[in-house]
Amino acid sequence: MWKLSAGALAAAVRAGEVSALDVMDAHLDRIAAVNPRINAVTQLFADRARSEARGIDRRRAAGEELGPLAGVPFTVKECIRVEGYPTTFGIRRFADLTARADAIPVARLRAAGAVPIGHSNMPSLILSGMHTRSELYGDTLNPWDAGRTPGGTSGGDGAAVATGMAALGLGDDSGGSVRIPASFCGVAALNPTAGRFAADQRLLGPDDPGPASQILVTDGPLARTVADLRLAFECLAGPDPRDPRAVPAPLYGRPLDGPAKVAVVADPGGRGVHPTVRRAVERAAGALAEAGYDVREVPDVPRFDEAYDAFHKLTVAEFTPSWPVVRQLLGEGGDRFIDFAMRRTPQLDAAGLIALMGTWMNIRRSWAEFLEEYPLLLGPVFTEPPVEPGLESRDQESRDRVASAMRLCSLTSFVGAPAVAVPTGLTDGLPTGVQLVGRPFREDLCLAAAQHLEDRLGVLSPVEPLF
């Protein structure tokens, strides 16, 4: 059963063809078999997961209508709250930071019938790098090649979903954190429009964080199929009084007039792209053209240099006031990635920050105008194949290389656009993938195009770890 999609599992549970408990036991057995090699699941919720599964079976036996994700096990990133379990952020300092309530997206997936099966690994405090390595739990391995990173920061979810330890993963993304592990591990992921999914970013106290955390960070699901992403999207979307940013936008917009125009940019900013990645983008473009899309290569994305510079200025400005304390929390070596970023990015004074807010809005306007002409943008998730673990924390040059490779993820988070990462196949034994970026609140267009790619290019996982 661990090989089945979330949609197939839920349908079987609702029909009484399998019990939710059997589904849960199959995934717990899979975790026992695979996780010692992969190290993706950190805290296992076995007893509670079985109890919740039994409750679902009792409700079905009583004739109650079950939700669209009935009995589906999902992992939850270590920085997202699950009631009764520590939200550790992967560091010793928060090892006993027990959550008093579920985070909004966890509660919504539960309401749809899904069952959290365990927390998943991530880089320490989300800040120690792109590679999934935490102070508390160590390294998560890429199931396709132990010498390559699974990506991050939602790397535990990517590896768990890819290997069948869970049908869904719940991560978050502020510049590629669900899309990169999806691409590196051979699964799909959705980074929604800023404001599509309600969340509460007050993670460590009553005060809200700064603008980067409020606007750039979005919760997002990972799954092995695009259809499962769609199910999760429908369950997670919608406003909540705890999140004044979230809006009640329709899940599905009006049909476009004629074939959707797709802008193709294989090398955003002209900084270079690996031939393997370029071929993946070209393959995806060809598949979309075969599906009837109006596919057009364009010179570049809007205002690349300004947007890339502004993204880094905004994030570094948010780190700066608390950096002396945060640096201590990250421990030896864990501070290198952010420290390298801060060395590259000049500090802003009040006037500079005010000017940056205006630049941010102006760049978002330019992107909105671009996406009005091209409802979809096709490009790379990462402009290189999966790199070695911890490359971004090795030295300044390596950090800059990794930051540049994830540049389209950074820019699309900066402008608040939705994106779906989807696999395109295997090259030299490693997954390849692309992302489809859409107009704000048109996740439906991204998902539809991603489904066409999946239909033509196939599904890569679940995979048996190749070591």
Protein backbone atom coordinates (compact mmCIF):
# COMPACT_ATOMS: atom_id res chain seq x y z
CA MET A 1 0.00 0.00 0.00
CA TRP A 2 2.92 2.37 0.50
CA LYS A 3 3.34 2.46 -3.28
CA LEU A 4 -0.15 3.87 -3.86
CA SER A 5 -0.93 7.55 -4.39
CA ALA A 6 -2.71 9.58 -1.75
CA GLY A 7 -5.83 9.71 -3.92
CA ALA A 8 -5.87 5.93 -4.41
CA LEU A 9 -5.35 5.28 -0.70
CA ALA A 10 -8.15 7.62 0.33
CA ALA A 11 -10.55 6.15 -2.23
CA ALA A 12 -9.80 2.63 -1.00
CA VAL A 13 -10.34 3.63 2.63
CA ARG A 14 -13.63 5.41 1.84
CA ALA A 15 -14.86 2.37 -0.10
CA GLY A 16 -13.92 -0.01 2.70
CA GLU A 17 -11.52 -1.89 0.45
CA VAL A 18 -8.72 -1.39 2.98
CA SER A 19 -8.71 -0.12 6.53
CA ALA A 20 -7.00 3.10 7.49
CA LEU A 21 -5.12 1.12 10.12
CA ASP A 22 -3.73 -1.23 7.49
CA VAL A 23 -2.64 1.78 5.44
CA MET A 24 -0.91 3.26 8.45
CA ASP A 25 0.80 0.01 9.40
CA ALA A 26 2.08 -0.43 5.85
CA HIS A 27 3.71 3.00 5.96
CA LEU A 28 5.10 2.48 9.46
CA ASP A 29 6.64 -0.77 8.24
CA ARG A 30 8.09 1.07 5.27
CA ILE A 31 9.60 3.68 7.59
CA ALA A 32 11.14 0.93 9.70
CA ALA A 33 12.68 -0.60 6.58
CA VAL A 34 13.91 2.53 4.82
CA ASN A 35 14.40 5.35 7.29
CA PRO A 36 17.53 3.91 8.93
CA ARG A 37 19.23 4.40 5.55
CA ILE A 38 17.63 7.71 4.51
CA ASN A 39 17.11 9.50 7.86
CA ALA A 40 14.18 11.57 6.61
CA VAL A 41 11.67 10.98 9.43
CA THR A 42 12.80 12.41 12.75
CA GLN A 43 10.00 12.06 15.32
CA LEU A 44 7.67 9.13 14.63
CA PHE A 45 4.03 9.53 15.71
CA ALA A 46 3.29 5.78 15.52
CA ASP A 47 0.89 5.33 18.45
CA ARG A 48 -1.16 8.43 17.74
CA ALA A 49 -1.21 7.70 14.00
CA ARG A 50 -2.59 4.22 14.63
CA SER A 51 -5.15 5.65 17.04
CA GLU A 52 -6.31 8.22 14.48
CA ALA A 53 -6.49 5.51 11.82
CA ARG A 54 -8.70 3.38 14.05
CA GLY A 55 -10.96 6.40 14.55
CA ILE A 56 -11.31 6.78 10.78
CA ASP A 57 -12.23 3.10 10.47
CA ARG A 58 -14.86 3.46 13.19
CA ARG A 59 -16.40 6.45 11.42
CA ARG A 60 -16.54 4.57 8.14
CA ALA A 61 -18.17 1.58 9.84
CA ALA A 62 -20.74 3.93 11.36
CA GLY A 63 -21.63 5.24 7.90
CA GLU A 64 -20.04 8.66 8.30
CA GLU A 65 -18.75 10.42 5.22
CA LEU A 66 -14.97 10.50 5.15
CA GLY A 67 -12.79 13.28 3.79
CA PRO A 68 -10.92 13.41 0.48
CA LEU A 69 -7.65 12.36 2.19
CA ALA A 70 -9.11 9.72 4.49
CA GLY A 71 -6.35 7.64 6.05
CA VAL A 72 -3.52 9.23 4.04
CA PRO A 73 -0.27 9.44 6.05
CA PHE A 74 1.78 12.63 5.73
CA THR A 75 5.05 13.93 7.15
CA VAL A 76 5.40 17.38 8.68
CA LYS A 77 8.55 19.48 8.55
CA GLU A 78 10.25 20.02 11.93
CA CYS A 79 9.35 23.73 11.92
CA ILE A 80 5.58 23.18 11.51
CA ARG A 81 3.61 22.53 14.68
CA VAL A 82 1.93 19.20 15.46
CA GLU A 83 0.03 19.22 18.74
CA GLY A 84 1.75 17.29 21.50
CA TYR A 85 5.13 16.97 19.80
CA PRO A 86 8.21 19.22 19.95
CA THR A 87 8.70 21.70 17.10
CA THR A 88 12.46 21.41 17.29
CA PHE A 89 13.61 23.31 14.19
CA GLY A 90 16.33 20.63 14.20
CA ILE A 91 18.30 22.19 17.08
CA ARG A 92 18.95 21.08 20.67
CA ARG A 93 17.76 24.36 22.15
CA PHE A 94 14.18 23.62 21.00
CA ALA A 95 14.18 19.87 21.61
CA ASP A 96 11.45 20.26 24.24
CA LEU A 97 9.41 22.99 22.53
CA THR A 98 6.16 21.01 22.57
CA ALA A 99 3.38 22.38 20.38
CA ARG A 100 0.10 23.19 22.10
CA ALA A 101 -1.94 23.05 18.89
CA ASP A 102 -1.62 22.02 15.27
CA ALA A 103 -0.44 24.58 12.76
CA ILE A 104 -3.24 25.70 10.44
CA PRO A 105 -2.14 23.54 7.47
CA VAL A 106 -1.74 20.48 9.68
CA ALA A 107 -5.25 21.01 11.06
CA ARG A 108 -6.63 21.36 7.54
CA LEU A 109 -5.06 18.15 6.32
CA ARG A 110 -6.37 16.37 9.43
CA ALA A 111 -9.84 17.78 8.74
CA ALA A 112 -9.64 16.20 5.27
CA GLY A 113 -8.87 12.84 6.88
CA ALA A 114 -5.09 12.75 6.51
CA VAL A 115 -2.98 11.54 9.43
CA PRO A 116 0.44 12.96 10.42
CA ILE A 117 2.85 10.04 10.70
CA GLY A 118 6.00 11.88 11.78
CA HIS A 119 8.10 15.01 11.70
CA SER A 120 10.65 15.31 8.89
CA ASN A 121 14.21 16.55 8.87
CA MET A 122 15.38 19.99 7.74
CA PRO A 123 18.52 22.17 8.03
CA SER A 124 19.08 23.54 11.52
CA LEU A 125 16.71 26.42 12.23
CA ILE A 126 15.93 26.46 8.45
CA LEU A 127 19.00 28.69 8.09
CA SER A 128 22.06 26.44 8.03
CA GLY A 129 21.93 25.79 4.28
CA MET A 130 20.10 24.12 1.42
CA HIS A 131 21.25 20.63 2.36
CA THR A 132 19.05 18.86 4.92
CA ARG A 133 21.39 18.49 7.88
CA SER A 134 20.27 19.35 11.40
CA GLU A 135 22.03 19.57 14.72
CA LEU A 136 19.54 17.21 16.34
CA TYR A 137 19.07 14.62 13.62
CA GLY A 138 22.05 14.70 11.27
CA ASP A 139 21.97 14.30 7.49
CA THR A 140 19.12 13.16 5.28
CA LEU A 141 20.33 11.25 2.23
CA ASN A 142 19.09 11.45 -1.33
CA PRO A 143 17.57 8.03 -2.11
CA TRP A 144 18.92 8.13 -5.67
CA ASP A 145 22.53 8.77 -4.66
CA ALA A 146 23.90 9.14 -1.14
CA GLY A 147 26.62 11.42 -2.50
CA ARG A 148 24.07 14.05 -3.58
CA THR A 149 21.94 16.25 -1.36
CA PRO A 150 18.18 15.65 -1.20
CA GLY A 151 17.86 19.43 -1.22
CA GLY A 152 16.08 21.55 1.29
CA THR A 153 14.96 23.00 3.36
CA SER A 154 12.06 20.50 3.16
CA GLY A 155 14.47 17.70 2.27
CA GLY A 156 13.11 15.25 4.81
CA ASP A 157 9.68 15.45 3.21
CA GLY A 158 11.11 15.07 -0.29
CA ALA A 159 13.06 11.94 0.62
CA ALA A 160 10.21 10.44 2.68
CA VAL A 161 7.64 10.87 -0.09
CA ALA A 162 10.05 9.64 -2.77
CA THR A 163 10.69 6.39 -0.90
CA GLY A 164 7.09 5.66 0.08
CA MET A 165 7.39 6.45 3.78
CA ALA A 166 4.45 8.84 3.39
CA ALA A 167 2.06 9.66 0.58
CA LEU A 168 2.29 13.41 1.22
CA GLY A 169 4.74 15.78 2.83
CA LEU A 170 4.02 19.19 4.31
CA GLY A 171 6.90 21.62 4.00
CA ASP A 172 7.36 25.32 3.48
CA ASP A 173 9.11 27.42 0.87
CA SER A 174 10.60 30.91 0.79
CA GLY A 175 12.90 30.52 -2.19
CA GLY A 176 12.78 26.88 -3.27
CA SER A 177 12.41 24.86 -0.08
CA VAL A 178 9.71 22.50 -1.37
CA ARG A 179 10.61 22.74 -5.05
CA ILE A 180 14.33 21.92 -4.76
CA PRO A 181 13.88 18.69 -2.72
CA ALA A 182 11.05 17.68 -5.05
CA SER A 183 13.33 18.13 -8.06
CA PHE A 184 16.32 16.40 -6.43
CA CYS A 185 14.27 13.47 -5.09
CA GLY A 186 12.03 12.93 -8.14
CA VAL A 187 8.64 14.02 -6.77
CA ALA A 188 6.28 16.97 -7.30
CA ALA A 189 5.66 20.01 -5.12
CA LEU A 190 3.43 23.06 -5.01
CA ASN A 191 4.57 26.45 -3.80
CA PRO A 192 1.30 28.41 -3.63
CA THR A 193 0.61 32.08 -4.16
CA ALA A 194 1.46 34.16 -1.11
CA GLY A 195 -1.90 34.44 0.68
CA ARG A 196 -3.45 31.26 -0.77
CA PHE A 197 -2.86 29.00 2.27
CA ALA A 198 -3.50 30.37 5.74
CA ALA A 199 -0.66 30.01 8.23
CA ASP A 200 0.61 31.60 11.42
CA GLN A 201 4.24 32.70 11.26
CA ARG A 202 4.42 33.46 14.99
CA LEU A 203 6.52 30.40 15.57
CA LEU A 204 8.46 31.27 18.72
CA GLY A 205 6.26 33.70 20.63
CA PRO A 206 3.42 36.22 20.39
CA ASP A 207 5.18 38.62 18.01
CA ASP A 208 5.05 38.44 14.24
CA PRO A 209 8.34 38.24 12.30
CA GLY A 210 9.53 40.73 9.70
CA PRO A 211 8.34 41.22 6.13
CA ALA A 212 10.44 38.47 4.54
CA SER A 213 8.95 35.79 6.80
CA GLN A 214 5.47 37.24 6.49
CA ILE A 215 5.41 37.43 2.70
CA LEU A 216 8.02 35.05 1.29
CA VAL A 217 7.29 31.97 3.42
CA THR A 218 4.47 29.74 2.18
CA ASP A 219 3.50 26.24 3.31
CA GLY A 220 3.35 23.74 0.48
CA PRO A 221 2.73 20.04 -0.16
CA LEU A 222 5.00 17.44 -1.76
CA ALA A 223 3.58 14.34 -3.45
CA ARG A 224 4.48 11.66 -5.96
CA THR A 225 1.74 12.69 -8.41
CA VAL A 226 0.29 15.98 -9.58
CA ALA A 227 -3.22 14.69 -8.82
CA ASP A 228 -2.19 14.33 -5.18
CA LEU A 229 -0.87 17.89 -5.17
CA ARG A 230 -4.26 19.00 -6.45
CA LEU A 231 -6.03 17.15 -3.63
CA ALA A 232 -3.76 18.76 -1.04
CA PHE A 233 -4.19 22.17 -2.66
CA GLU A 234 -7.97 21.95 -2.41
CA CYS A 235 -7.75 20.96 1.26
CA LEU A 236 -5.18 23.58 2.29
CA ALA A 237 -6.54 26.66 0.52
CA GLY A 238 -8.66 29.33 2.15
CA PRO A 239 -8.60 32.16 4.70
CA ASP A 240 -8.42 31.97 8.47
CA PRO A 241 -8.83 34.76 11.05
CA ARG A 242 -5.37 33.94 12.44
CA ASP A 243 -3.83 34.94 9.12
CA PRO A 244 -4.86 38.36 7.78
CA ARG A 245 -2.76 37.73 4.67
CA ALA A 246 -4.86 34.82 3.41
CA VAL A 247 -7.66 35.63 0.98
CA PRO A 248 -10.78 33.73 -0.16
CA ALA A 249 -9.73 33.51 -3.81
CA PRO A 250 -11.50 30.93 -6.02
CA LEU A 251 -9.62 27.64 -6.34
CA TYR A 252 -10.14 27.62 -10.09
CA GLY A 253 -10.15 30.67 -12.34
CA ARG A 254 -12.00 31.25 -15.57
CA PRO A 255 -10.73 29.40 -18.67
CA LEU A 256 -8.21 31.24 -20.79
CA ASP A 257 -9.11 32.50 -24.23
CA GLY A 258 -7.34 30.11 -26.56
CA PRO A 259 -4.23 28.01 -25.86
CA ALA A 260 -2.23 29.11 -22.84
CA LYS A 261 0.96 30.94 -23.75
CA VAL A 262 4.01 29.52 -22.00
CA ALA A 263 7.18 31.59 -21.72
CA VAL A 264 10.28 29.39 -21.64
CA VAL A 265 13.43 30.62 -19.87
CA ALA A 266 16.04 27.92 -19.45
CA ASP A 267 18.77 30.24 -18.13
CA PRO A 268 17.26 33.03 -15.98
CA GLY A 269 19.58 36.01 -15.85
CA GLY A 270 21.98 34.46 -18.35
CA ARG A 271 24.24 33.13 -15.60
CA GLY A 272 24.64 29.70 -17.14
CA VAL A 273 22.72 26.43 -16.96
CA HIS A 274 23.96 22.85 -16.96
CA PRO A 275 23.25 20.96 -20.21
CA THR A 276 21.26 18.34 -18.30
CA VAL A 277 18.96 21.02 -16.89
CA ARG A 278 18.60 22.76 -20.24
CA ARG A 279 17.58 19.47 -21.84
CA ALA A 280 14.99 18.93 -19.10
CA VAL A 281 13.46 22.34 -19.82
CA GLU A 282 13.50 21.63 -23.57
CA ARG A 283 11.88 18.25 -23.02
CA ALA A 284 9.14 19.81 -20.91
CA ALA A 285 8.60 22.56 -23.50
CA GLY A 286 8.18 19.94 -26.21
CA ALA A 287 5.70 17.98 -24.13
CA LEU A 288 3.61 21.08 -23.49
CA ALA A 289 3.66 21.96 -27.18
CA GLU A 290 2.40 18.45 -27.96
CA ALA A 291 -0.39 19.02 -25.42
CA GLY A 292 -1.55 22.12 -27.30
CA TYR A 293 0.14 24.92 -25.35
CA ASP A 294 1.49 27.96 -27.17
CA VAL A 295 5.14 27.56 -26.14
CA ARG A 296 7.52 30.46 -26.78
CA GLU A 297 11.12 31.07 -25.78
CA VAL A 298 11.59 34.54 -24.32
CA PRO A 299 14.84 36.41 -23.59
CA ASP A 300 14.50 36.44 -19.81
CA VAL A 301 12.23 36.94 -16.84
CA PRO A 302 11.38 40.54 -15.86
CA ARG A 303 14.04 42.66 -14.19
CA PHE A 304 16.19 39.72 -13.20
CA ASP A 305 19.18 41.57 -11.72
CA GLU A 306 17.06 44.00 -9.69
CA ALA A 307 14.82 41.24 -8.36
CA TYR A 308 17.72 38.94 -7.44
CA ASP A 309 19.49 41.76 -5.63
CA ALA A 310 16.32 42.88 -3.83
CA PHE A 311 15.49 39.34 -2.67
CA HIS A 312 18.84 39.00 -0.95
CA LYS A 313 18.73 42.50 0.52
CA LEU A 314 15.30 41.79 2.03
CA THR A 315 16.23 38.46 3.58
CA VAL A 316 19.56 39.70 4.96
CA ALA A 317 17.89 42.81 6.40
CA GLU A 318 15.58 40.51 8.35
CA PHE A 319 18.44 38.36 9.69
CA THR A 320 20.66 41.24 10.76
CA PRO A 321 19.06 42.45 14.06
CA SER A 322 18.83 38.97 15.57
CA TRP A 323 21.93 37.50 13.99
CA PRO A 324 24.16 37.48 17.10
CA VAL A 325 21.61 35.34 18.96
CA VAL A 326 20.61 33.19 15.98
CA ARG A 327 24.25 32.52 15.20
CA GLN A 328 24.74 30.97 18.61
CA LEU A 329 21.66 28.78 18.17
CA LEU A 330 22.97 27.43 14.87
CA GLY A 331 26.10 26.05 16.51
CA GLU A 332 29.54 25.45 15.06
CA GLY A 333 29.49 25.57 11.27
CA GLY A 334 25.74 26.06 11.09
CA ASP A 335 26.12 29.79 10.64
CA ARG A 336 28.31 29.65 7.54
CA PHE A 337 25.58 29.79 4.88
CA ILE A 338 23.93 32.94 6.24
CA ASP A 339 27.26 34.47 7.14
CA PHE A 340 28.41 34.10 3.52
CA ALA A 341 25.13 35.66 2.36
CA MET A 342 25.57 38.63 4.69
CA ARG A 343 29.10 39.23 3.45
CA ARG A 344 27.78 39.49 -0.11
CA THR A 345 24.85 41.77 0.70
CA PRO A 346 25.23 45.34 2.01
CA GLN A 347 23.37 46.26 5.16
CA LEU A 348 20.40 48.60 4.80
CA ASP A 349 19.58 51.64 6.88
CA ALA A 350 16.00 52.82 7.41
CA ALA A 351 15.97 54.84 4.20
CA GLY A 352 17.35 51.89 2.28
CA LEU A 353 14.70 49.55 3.65
CA ILE A 354 11.91 51.99 2.75
CA ALA A 355 13.29 52.27 -0.78
CA LEU A 356 13.50 48.48 -0.99
CA MET A 357 9.80 48.16 -0.14
CA GLY A 358 9.01 50.41 -3.11
CA THR A 359 11.31 48.42 -5.38
CA TRP A 360 9.66 45.20 -4.25
CA MET A 361 6.20 46.45 -5.24
CA ASN A 362 7.52 47.78 -8.54
CA ILE A 363 9.10 44.44 -9.44
CA ARG A 364 5.90 42.59 -8.53
CA ARG A 365 4.04 44.91 -10.89
CA SER A 366 6.45 44.09 -13.71
CA TRP A 367 5.98 40.38 -13.13
CA ALA A 368 2.20 40.75 -13.04
CA GLU A 369 2.34 42.46 -16.43
CA PHE A 370 4.61 39.71 -17.79
CA LEU A 371 2.28 36.97 -16.51
CA GLU A 372 -0.70 38.78 -17.99
CA GLU A 373 0.88 38.17 -21.39
CA TYR A 374 2.25 34.73 -20.53
CA PRO A 375 -0.03 32.94 -18.03
CA LEU A 376 2.70 30.33 -17.48
CA LEU A 377 6.47 30.45 -17.21
CA LEU A 378 8.51 27.27 -17.68
CA GLY A 379 12.02 27.18 -16.25
CA PRO A 380 14.47 25.24 -14.07
CA VAL A 381 14.10 24.61 -10.37
CA PHE A 382 17.87 24.50 -9.95
CA THR A 383 20.25 25.19 -12.81
CA GLU A 384 22.53 22.25 -11.96
CA PRO A 385 21.93 18.56 -11.25
CA PRO A 386 21.77 17.70 -7.52
CA VAL A 387 24.99 18.84 -5.87
CA GLU A 388 27.00 17.29 -3.07
CA PRO A 389 25.74 17.65 0.52
CA GLY A 390 26.68 20.91 2.22
CA LEU A 391 28.29 22.54 -0.81
CA GLU A 392 26.67 25.89 -0.01
CA SER A 393 28.41 26.08 3.38
CA ARG A 394 31.89 25.13 2.17
CA ASP A 395 33.16 28.59 1.15
CA GLN A 396 31.99 31.89 -0.32
CA GLU A 397 32.32 30.74 -3.92
CA SER A 398 30.27 27.59 -3.29
CA ARG A 399 27.57 29.50 -1.45
CA ASP A 400 27.29 31.94 -4.36
CA ARG A 401 27.12 29.06 -6.83
CA VAL A 402 24.22 27.42 -5.00
CA ALA A 403 22.36 30.71 -4.50
CA SER A 404 22.68 31.40 -8.21
CA ALA A 405 21.48 27.91 -9.16
CA MET A 406 18.23 28.36 -7.21
CA ARG A 407 17.67 31.85 -8.58
CA LEU A 408 14.35 31.28 -10.33
CA CYS A 409 12.91 29.87 -7.09
CA SER A 410 14.11 32.95 -5.20
CA LEU A 411 12.62 35.35 -7.71
CA THR A 412 9.22 33.66 -7.91
CA SER A 413 8.95 33.61 -4.12
CA PHE A 414 9.91 37.28 -4.09
CA VAL A 415 7.05 38.22 -6.42
CA GLY A 416 4.55 35.90 -4.69
CA ALA A 417 3.77 33.77 -7.75
CA PRO A 418 2.65 30.13 -7.50
CA ALA A 419 4.82 27.36 -8.92
CA VAL A 420 4.64 23.60 -9.36
CA ALA A 421 7.81 21.51 -9.54
CA VAL A 422 7.39 18.32 -11.56
CA PRO A 423 9.83 15.56 -12.63
CA THR A 424 10.91 15.19 -16.24
CA GLY A 425 12.85 11.91 -16.08
CA LEU A 426 16.27 10.54 -15.14
CA THR A 427 19.72 11.50 -16.41
CA ASP A 428 22.81 9.61 -15.24
CA GLY A 429 20.66 7.98 -12.56
CA LEU A 430 19.48 11.26 -11.02
CA PRO A 431 16.05 12.90 -11.30
CA THR A 432 15.55 15.94 -13.47
CA GLY A 433 12.70 18.40 -13.15
CA VAL A 434 11.28 21.80 -14.03
CA GLN A 435 8.90 24.30 -12.52
CA LEU A 436 5.80 25.92 -13.93
CA VAL A 437 5.18 29.41 -12.57
CA GLY A 438 1.77 31.06 -12.91
CA ARG A 439 -0.24 34.17 -12.29
CA PRO A 440 -1.10 34.87 -8.66
CA PHE A 441 -3.95 32.65 -7.49
CA ARG A 442 -3.87 30.59 -10.68
CA GLU A 443 -2.37 27.45 -9.18
CA ASP A 444 -4.95 25.64 -11.31
CA LEU A 445 -3.09 26.63 -14.48
CA CYS A 446 0.22 25.42 -13.03
CA LEU A 447 -1.29 22.12 -11.90
CA ALA A 448 -3.00 21.51 -15.24
CA ALA A 449 0.22 22.06 -17.17
CA ALA A 450 2.17 19.90 -14.70
CA GLN A 451 -0.40 17.13 -15.20
CA HIS A 452 0.22 17.25 -18.95
CA LEU A 453 3.94 16.88 -18.31
CA GLU A 454 3.39 13.97 -15.95
CA ASP A 455 1.07 12.25 -18.43
CA ARG A 456 3.77 12.42 -21.11
CA LEU A 457 6.96 12.07 -19.09
CA GLY A 458 5.89 9.71 -16.31
CA VAL A 459 6.24 9.38 -12.53
CA LEU A 460 9.63 8.48 -11.02
CA SER A 461 8.77 7.38 -7.49
CA PRO A 462 8.41 5.57 -5.15
CA VAL A 463 11.99 4.44 -5.35
CA GLU A 464 13.98 1.89 -3.39
CA PRO A 465 17.07 3.60 -1.95
CA LEU A 466 19.94 2.85 -4.28
CA PHE A 467 22.50 2.11 -1.54
